[in-house]
Amino acid sequence: MEGKPDRIAPLVIELIGSKVDVIFTPNTAAAHVAKKANPSMPIVILVGDPVGSGLVTSLARPGGNVTGLSGFVELGREKA
Protein backbone atom coordinates (compact mmCIF):
# COMPACT_ATOMS: atom_id res chain seq x y z
CA MET A 1 0.00 0.00 0.00
CA GLU A 2 2.88 2.35 0.68
CA GLY A 3 3.06 4.90 -2.09
CA LYS A 4 -0.23 3.68 -3.55
CA PRO A 5 -3.07 5.26 -1.55
CA ASP A 6 -5.58 4.44 -4.29
CA ARG A 7 -5.21 0.75 -3.32
CA ILE A 8 -6.44 1.27 0.25
CA ALA A 9 -10.20 1.35 -0.35
CA PRO A 10 -10.35 -1.75 -2.60
CA LEU A 11 -8.27 -3.73 -0.11
CA VAL A 12 -10.46 -2.70 2.83
CA ILE A 13 -13.62 -3.59 0.88
CA GLU A 14 -12.08 -6.97 0.03
CA LEU A 15 -11.31 -7.61 3.71
CA ILE A 16 -14.83 -6.70 4.77
CA GLY A 17 -16.25 -8.95 2.05
CA SER A 18 -14.09 -11.78 3.35
CA LYS A 19 -15.92 -11.46 6.68
CA VAL A 20 -12.81 -10.99 8.79
CA ASP A 21 -13.34 -10.47 12.51
CA VAL A 22 -11.11 -7.40 12.84
CA ILE A 23 -9.10 -5.05 10.62
CA PHE A 24 -5.62 -3.85 11.56
CA THR A 25 -4.59 -0.58 9.93
CA PRO A 26 -0.96 0.53 9.88
CA ASN A 27 -1.64 4.19 9.06
CA THR A 28 -4.19 6.97 9.42
CA ALA A 29 -5.42 6.86 5.82
CA ALA A 30 -6.25 3.15 6.00
CA ALA A 31 -7.94 3.63 9.37
CA HIS A 32 -10.23 6.34 8.00
CA VAL A 33 -11.17 4.19 5.00
CA ALA A 34 -11.91 1.18 7.21
CA LYS A 35 -13.96 3.23 9.67
CA LYS A 36 -16.04 4.75 6.87
CA ALA A 37 -16.51 1.44 5.04
CA ASN A 38 -17.80 -0.43 8.10
CA PRO A 39 -18.61 1.56 11.23
CA SER A 40 -19.29 -1.57 13.32
CA MET A 41 -16.34 -3.88 12.54
CA PRO A 42 -13.53 -3.68 15.11
CA ILE A 43 -10.56 -1.70 13.80
CA VAL A 44 -7.15 -1.81 15.48
CA ILE A 45 -4.98 1.16 14.62
CA LEU A 46 -1.32 2.07 14.86
CA VAL A 47 -1.16 5.81 14.24
CA GLY A 48 0.58 8.87 15.66
CA ASP A 49 -2.37 10.98 16.75
CA PRO A 50 -5.75 9.22 16.64
CA VAL A 51 -7.52 12.05 18.45
CA GLY A 52 -6.09 14.81 16.26
CA SER A 53 -6.84 12.84 13.10
CA GLY A 54 -10.47 12.35 14.16
CA LEU A 55 -10.36 8.56 14.49
CA VAL A 56 -11.28 8.51 18.19
CA THR A 57 -12.73 10.98 20.67
CA SER A 58 -10.08 10.42 23.35
CA LEU A 59 -7.20 8.08 24.17
CA ALA A 60 -8.77 7.02 27.46
CA ARG A 61 -12.16 6.24 25.93
CA PRO A 62 -11.87 5.93 22.16
CA GLY A 63 -15.53 4.94 21.72
CA GLY A 64 -16.98 3.42 18.59
CA ASN A 65 -15.24 0.57 16.81
CA VAL A 66 -11.66 1.91 16.76
CA THR A 67 -8.96 1.04 19.29
CA GLY A 68 -5.24 0.45 19.21
CA LEU A 69 -1.90 2.12 19.73
CA SER A 70 -0.72 5.65 19.27
CA GLY A 71 2.83 6.86 19.32
CA PHE A 72 4.20 10.33 19.65
CA VAL A 73 7.80 11.01 18.76
CA GLU A 74 9.48 14.07 20.18
CA LEU A 75 12.21 15.16 17.83
CA GLY A 76 15.26 17.25 18.63
CA ARG A 77 15.44 16.42 22.29
CA GLU A 78 18.05 14.21 23.88
CA LYS A 79 17.50 12.22 27.01
CA ALA A 80 20.01 12.81 29.80
C-alpha atoms as a PDB file:
ATOM      1  CA  MET A   1       0.000   0.000   0.000  1.00  0.00           C
ATOM      2  CA  GLU A   2       2.878   2.347   0.683  1.00  0.00           C
ATOM      3  CA  GLY A   3       3.059   4.899  -2.086  1.00  0.00           C
ATOM      4  CA  LYS A   4      -0.228   3.679  -3.547  1.00  0.00           C
ATOM      5  CA  PRO A   5      -3.072   5.264  -1.548  1.00  0.00           C
ATOM      6  CA  ASP A   6      -5.578   4.437  -4.293  1.00  0.00           C
ATOM      7  CA  ARG A   7      -5.207   0.752  -3.317  1.00  0.00           C
ATOM      8  CA  ILE A   8      -6.439   1.267   0.252  1.00  0.00           C
ATOM      9  CA  ALA A   9     -10.199   1.347  -0.353  1.00  0.00           C
ATOM     10  CA  PRO A  10     -10.348  -1.754  -2.596  1.00  0.00           C
ATOM     11  CA  LEU A  11      -8.268  -3.735  -0.105  1.00  0.00           C
ATOM     12  CA  VAL A  12     -10.457  -2.695   2.828  1.00  0.00           C
ATOM     13  CA  ILE A  13     -13.619  -3.585   0.875  1.00  0.00           C
ATOM     14  CA  GLU A  14     -12.083  -6.966   0.034  1.00  0.00           C
ATOM     15  CA  LEU A  15     -11.314  -7.611   3.715  1.00  0.00           C
ATOM     16  CA  ILE A  16     -14.834  -6.697   4.774  1.00  0.00           C
ATOM     17  CA  GLY A  17     -16.245  -8.948   2.049  1.00  0.00           C
ATOM     18  CA  SER A  18     -14.086 -11.784   3.354  1.00  0.00           C
ATOM     19  CA  LYS A  19     -15.917 -11.459   6.683  1.00  0.00           C
ATOM     20  CA  VAL A  20     -12.806 -10.991   8.794  1.00  0.00           C
ATOM     21  CA  ASP A  21     -13.337 -10.466  12.510  1.00  0.00           C
ATOM     22  CA  VAL A  22     -11.107  -7.405  12.840  1.00  0.00           C
ATOM     23  CA  ILE A  23      -9.101  -5.049  10.617  1.00  0.00           C
ATOM     24  CA  PHE A  24      -5.624  -3.852  11.562  1.00  0.00           C
ATOM     25  CA  THR A  25      -4.592  -0.584   9.928  1.00  0.00           C
ATOM     26  CA  PRO A  26      -0.958   0.529   9.879  1.00  0.00           C
ATOM     27  CA  ASN A  27      -1.638   4.186   9.062  1.00  0.00           C
ATOM     28  CA  THR A  28      -4.189   6.967   9.420  1.00  0.00           C
ATOM     29  CA  ALA A  29      -5.417   6.863   5.817  1.00  0.00           C
ATOM     30  CA  ALA A  30      -6.246   3.154   5.999  1.00  0.00           C
ATOM     31  CA  ALA A  31      -7.942   3.627   9.369  1.00  0.00           C
ATOM     32  CA  HIS A  32     -10.227   6.335   8.004  1.00  0.00           C
ATOM     33  CA  VAL A  33     -11.171   4.185   5.005  1.00  0.00           C
ATOM     34  CA  ALA A  34     -11.914   1.178   7.208  1.00  0.00           C
ATOM     35  CA  LYS A  35     -13.964   3.231   9.672  1.00  0.00           C
ATOM     36  CA  LYS A  36     -16.035   4.755   6.871  1.00  0.00           C
ATOM     37  CA  ALA A  37     -16.509   1.442   5.043  1.00  0.00           C
ATOM     38  CA  ASN A  38     -17.797  -0.429   8.096  1.00  0.00           C
ATOM     39  CA  PRO A  39     -18.609   1.555  11.232  1.00  0.00           C
ATOM     40  CA  SER A  40     -19.292  -1.566  13.325  1.00  0.00           C
ATOM     41  CA  MET A  41     -16.344  -3.881  12.543  1.00  0.00           C
ATOM     42  CA  PRO A  42     -13.529  -3.678  15.114  1.00  0.00           C
ATOM     43  CA  ILE A  43     -10.558  -1.700  13.800  1.00  0.00           C
ATOM     44  CA  VAL A  44      -7.151  -1.814  15.484  1.00  0.00           C
ATOM     45  CA  ILE A  45      -4.978   1.159  14.619  1.00  0.00           C
ATOM     46  CA  LEU A  46      -1.320   2.072  14.856  1.00  0.00           C
ATOM     47  CA  VAL A  47      -1.163   5.810  14.244  1.00  0.00           C
ATOM     48  CA  GLY A  48       0.579   8.869  15.656  1.00  0.00           C
ATOM     49  CA  ASP A  49      -2.374  10.984  16.755  1.00  0.00           C
ATOM     50  CA  PRO A  50      -5.745   9.216  16.636  1.00  0.00           C
ATOM     51  CA  VAL A  51      -7.524  12.053  18.446  1.00  0.00           C
ATOM     52  CA  GLY A  52      -6.088  14.811  16.257  1.00  0.00           C
ATOM     53  CA  SER A  53      -6.843  12.835  13.104  1.00  0.00           C
ATOM     54  CA  GLY A  54     -10.472  12.346  14.159  1.00  0.00           C
ATOM     55  CA  LEU A  55     -10.363   8.563  14.492  1.00  0.00           C
ATOM     56  CA  VAL A  56     -11.279   8.509  18.192  1.00  0.00           C
ATOM     57  CA  THR A  57     -12.734  10.981  20.672  1.00  0.00           C
ATOM     58  CA  SER A  58     -10.079  10.417  23.354  1.00  0.00           C
ATOM     59  CA  LEU A  59      -7.198   8.082  24.174  1.00  0.00           C
ATOM     60  CA  ALA A  60      -8.766   7.017  27.462  1.00  0.00           C
ATOM     61  CA  ARG A  61     -12.160   6.238  25.929  1.00  0.00           C
ATOM     62  CA  PRO A  62     -11.873   5.927  22.162  1.00  0.00           C
ATOM     63  CA  GLY A  63     -15.527   4.942  21.723  1.00  0.00           C
ATOM     64  CA  GLY A  64     -16.976   3.423  18.588  1.00  0.00           C
ATOM     65  CA  ASN A  65     -15.241   0.569  16.813  1.00  0.00           C
ATOM     66  CA  VAL A  66     -11.661   1.912  16.760  1.00  0.00           C
ATOM     67  CA  THR A  67      -8.959   1.037  19.286  1.00  0.00           C
ATOM     68  CA  GLY A  68      -5.236   0.450  19.211  1.00  0.00           C
ATOM     69  CA  LEU A  69      -1.900   2.124  19.732  1.00  0.00           C
ATOM     70  CA  SER A  70      -0.719   5.650  19.273  1.00  0.00           C
ATOM     71  CA  GLY A  71       2.834   6.857  19.316  1.00  0.00           C
ATOM     72  CA  PHE A  72       4.196  10.327  19.647  1.00  0.00           C
ATOM     73  CA  VAL A  73       7.804  11.006  18.764  1.00  0.00           C
ATOM     74  CA  GLU A  74       9.484  14.067  20.185  1.00  0.00           C
ATOM     75  CA  LEU A  75      12.213  15.163  17.829  1.00  0.00           C
ATOM     76  CA  GLY A  76      15.259  17.249  18.625  1.00  0.00           C
ATOM     77  CA  ARG A  77      15.445  16.425  22.294  1.00  0.00           C
ATOM     78  CA  GLU A  78      18.050  14.214  23.878  1.00  0.00           C
ATOM     79  CA  LYS A  79      17.503  12.223  27.013  1.00  0.00           C
ATOM     80  CA  ALA A  80      20.012  12.806  29.805  1.00  0.00           C
END
